[in-house]
Protein backbone atom coordinates (compact mmCIF):
# COMPACT_ATOMS: atom_id res chain seq x y z
CA MET A 1 80.97 111.06 106.76
CA ASP A 2 81.47 107.00 107.39
CA ILE A 3 83.80 105.70 105.11
CA LYS A 4 82.85 102.06 104.23
CA GLN A 5 85.30 99.46 104.56
CA ASN A 6 86.01 98.29 101.51
CA ASP A 7 86.02 101.97 100.27
CA LYS A 8 89.68 103.17 99.65
CA VAL A 9 91.62 106.26 98.74
CA GLU A 10 94.01 106.27 96.04
CA ASN A 11 96.24 108.50 94.35
CA ARG A 12 97.57 108.82 90.76
CA LEU A 13 100.67 109.40 91.51
CA LYS A 14 102.62 106.30 90.23
CA ALA A 15 100.77 106.29 86.76
CA VAL A 16 101.96 110.29 86.25
CA LEU A 17 105.30 109.85 87.07
CA ALA A 18 105.16 107.00 84.40
CA ASP A 19 103.86 109.14 81.54
CA LYS A 20 106.28 111.83 82.63
CA LYS A 21 109.20 108.87 82.59
CA LYS A 22 110.44 109.81 86.65
CA THR A 23 110.92 108.03 89.63
CA CYS A 24 109.97 107.62 93.04
CA ARG A 25 113.55 109.17 93.51
CA TRP A 26 114.12 111.80 91.75
CA LEU A 27 110.69 113.15 93.35
CA ALA A 28 111.91 112.38 96.71
CA ASN A 29 114.73 114.62 95.80
CA GLU A 30 112.92 117.78 93.86
CA ILE A 31 110.27 117.78 97.30
CA GLY A 32 113.41 117.11 100.06
CA ARG A 33 111.69 113.92 101.23
CA ASN A 34 112.99 109.85 101.97
CA GLU A 35 112.25 107.28 98.88
CA ASN A 36 110.31 105.05 100.77
CA THR A 37 107.96 107.55 102.01
CA VAL A 38 107.58 108.44 98.16
CA SER A 39 107.54 104.80 97.18
CA ARG A 40 104.67 103.65 99.94
CA TRP A 41 102.92 107.17 98.25
CA CYS A 42 102.77 105.75 94.39
CA SER A 43 102.14 101.48 95.94
CA ASN A 44 99.04 103.71 97.90
CA LYS A 45 99.87 102.58 101.14
CA VAL A 46 100.11 105.92 102.55
CA GLN A 47 98.80 108.83 101.23
CA PRO A 48 100.23 112.34 101.14
CA SER A 49 98.43 115.48 101.88
CA LEU A 50 96.93 118.10 100.27
CA ASP A 51 99.42 120.09 100.71
CA GLN A 52 101.92 117.48 99.62
CA LEU A 53 99.90 116.75 96.45
CA ARG A 54 99.80 119.97 95.84
CA GLU A 55 103.86 120.61 96.19
CA ILE A 56 103.82 117.22 93.87
CA ALA A 57 101.33 119.20 90.65
CA ASP A 58 103.45 122.02 90.46
CA ILE A 59 107.02 119.85 90.46
CA LEU A 60 105.61 117.86 88.06
CA ASP A 61 103.15 120.62 85.64
CA VAL A 62 100.30 118.97 86.09
CA ASP A 63 96.83 119.98 87.54
CA ILE A 64 96.57 118.62 91.18
CA ARG A 65 93.08 117.07 90.18
CA THR A 66 95.63 114.38 87.54
CA LEU A 67 97.11 112.92 90.64
CA ILE A 68 93.74 112.38 92.48
CA ARG A 69 91.34 109.10 91.57
CA SER A 70 87.90 109.61 92.19
CA ASN A 71 85.86 108.33 94.68
CA LYS A 72 82.99 107.82 92.71
CA GLU A 73 82.06 105.31 90.57
CA VAL A 74 80.73 106.66 87.22
CA ALA A 75 77.56 104.37 86.39
CA GLU A 76 77.17 103.19 83.67
């Protein structure tokens, strides 16, 4: 599968943390990861693995799909 140069995979972790009134530091402590790593996930500089997203979803008590931004544009 080819990915175009301007296609960018993004997550919604920062938005979900804000909705839950939680911080990157809190999440880092909960999952045993470095705060800088979680911060990079929140800023979409790097992406967590699917297993990490599953763990995060469990901790935040959300459906994993809540953390993933669709790569499909909705035609209007």
